[in-house]
Amino acid sequence: VLLQKLESIRSDGYAMDCEEFRLGSTCIAAPLMNHNGRVLAAISVSLPTVRFSSVDCAAIVDAVIRKAHEISSELGYSICESQGGLVARETG
């Protein structure tokens, strides 16, 4: 089950925690990648679950992924639209 969840997170480009870590809290996170394609860190947004709705979810997920892509790009990673994700830039 864990490996399936990790693969889903990798393909979606983000992870969501709905009261798994703390009761009453929802968190959405996306990875920050460097020029070598390694995850350096992550950014996340947390909010009370009672204030969270499916409408909010789409907007928050989009904002978190967009900002993670922006930061990753500054770290040497580039967006590959055809792949739907991030790919390492050619160097050298």
Protein backbone atom coordinates (compact mmCIF):
# COMPACT_ATOMS: atom_id res chain seq x y z
CA VAL A 1 0.00 0.00 0.00
CA LEU A 2 2.81 2.45 0.85
CA LEU A 3 4.60 1.89 -2.47
CA GLN A 4 1.34 2.47 -4.35
CA LYS A 5 0.76 5.70 -2.43
CA LEU A 6 4.32 6.89 -3.15
CA GLU A 7 3.91 6.14 -6.86
CA SER A 8 0.65 8.09 -6.89
CA ILE A 9 2.36 11.04 -5.19
CA ARG A 10 5.22 10.90 -7.70
CA SER A 11 2.88 10.87 -10.70
CA ASP A 12 0.53 13.53 -9.28
CA GLY A 13 3.38 15.82 -8.25
CA TYR A 14 2.00 16.46 -4.77
CA ALA A 15 0.96 14.77 -1.55
CA MET A 16 -2.04 15.43 0.64
CA ASP A 17 -2.47 14.62 4.32
CA CYS A 18 -6.05 14.85 5.56
CA GLU A 19 -5.91 14.43 9.32
CA GLU A 20 -3.32 11.65 9.04
CA PHE A 21 -0.72 13.50 11.10
CA ARG A 22 -2.87 15.82 13.19
CA LEU A 23 -6.61 15.66 13.80
CA GLY A 24 -8.31 18.70 12.30
CA SER A 25 -5.46 19.58 9.91
CA THR A 26 -5.08 19.12 6.15
CA CYS A 27 -1.77 19.61 4.35
CA ILE A 28 -0.79 19.72 0.67
CA ALA A 29 2.91 19.47 -0.25
CA ALA A 30 5.06 19.38 -3.39
CA PRO A 31 8.78 18.61 -3.82
CA LEU A 32 11.56 21.08 -4.62
CA MET A 33 13.98 19.53 -7.09
CA ASN A 34 17.58 20.51 -7.88
CA HIS A 35 19.42 20.45 -11.22
CA ASN A 36 20.33 16.77 -10.71
CA GLY A 37 16.73 15.71 -10.24
CA ARG A 38 17.03 15.15 -6.53
CA VAL A 39 14.42 16.26 -4.04
CA LEU A 40 16.01 18.88 -1.80
CA ALA A 41 13.00 19.85 0.26
CA ALA A 42 9.28 20.43 -0.04
CA ILE A 43 6.84 23.26 0.35
CA SER A 44 3.44 22.82 1.91
CA VAL A 45 0.25 24.56 2.90
CA SER A 46 -1.68 23.47 5.98
CA LEU A 47 -5.13 24.56 7.03
CA PRO A 48 -7.91 23.45 9.34
CA THR A 49 -9.86 20.60 7.76
CA VAL A 50 -13.17 22.32 8.58
CA ARG A 51 -12.16 25.19 6.24
CA PHE A 52 -11.15 22.81 3.46
CA SER A 53 -13.44 21.92 0.55
CA SER A 54 -12.98 20.24 -2.82
CA VAL A 55 -13.15 23.68 -4.46
CA ASP A 56 -10.34 24.91 -2.22
CA CYS A 57 -8.40 21.72 -2.90
CA ALA A 58 -7.97 22.28 -6.63
CA ALA A 59 -6.86 25.90 -6.17
CA ILE A 60 -4.47 25.07 -3.35
CA VAL A 61 -2.96 22.07 -5.16
CA ASP A 62 -2.43 24.20 -8.28
CA ALA A 63 -0.80 27.00 -6.27
CA VAL A 64 1.52 24.65 -4.35
CA ILE A 65 2.61 22.79 -7.49
CA ARG A 66 3.08 26.04 -9.44
CA LYS A 67 5.27 27.53 -6.67
CA ALA A 68 7.25 24.26 -6.31
CA HIS A 69 7.91 24.30 -10.08
CA GLU A 70 8.98 27.94 -9.91
CA ILE A 71 11.43 27.32 -7.06
CA SER A 72 12.70 24.10 -8.67
CA SER A 73 13.33 25.99 -11.89
CA GLU A 74 15.44 28.50 -9.97
CA LEU A 75 17.40 25.51 -8.61
CA GLY A 76 18.18 24.29 -12.15
CA TYR A 77 15.21 22.07 -12.88
CA SER A 78 12.95 22.73 -15.85
CA ILE A 79 9.33 21.95 -16.54
CA CYS A 80 8.58 19.45 -19.28
CA GLU A 81 4.96 20.06 -20.27
CA SER A 82 4.74 16.93 -22.44
CA GLN A 83 5.76 14.82 -19.47
CA GLY A 84 3.48 16.73 -17.11
CA GLY A 85 6.24 17.28 -14.61
CA LEU A 86 9.80 18.33 -13.98
CA VAL A 87 12.91 17.11 -15.80
CA ALA A 88 16.59 17.85 -15.24
CA ARG A 89 18.16 20.43 -17.51
CA GLU A 90 20.99 19.42 -19.75
CA THR A 91 24.27 20.70 -18.35
CA GLY A 92 27.75 20.85 -19.79
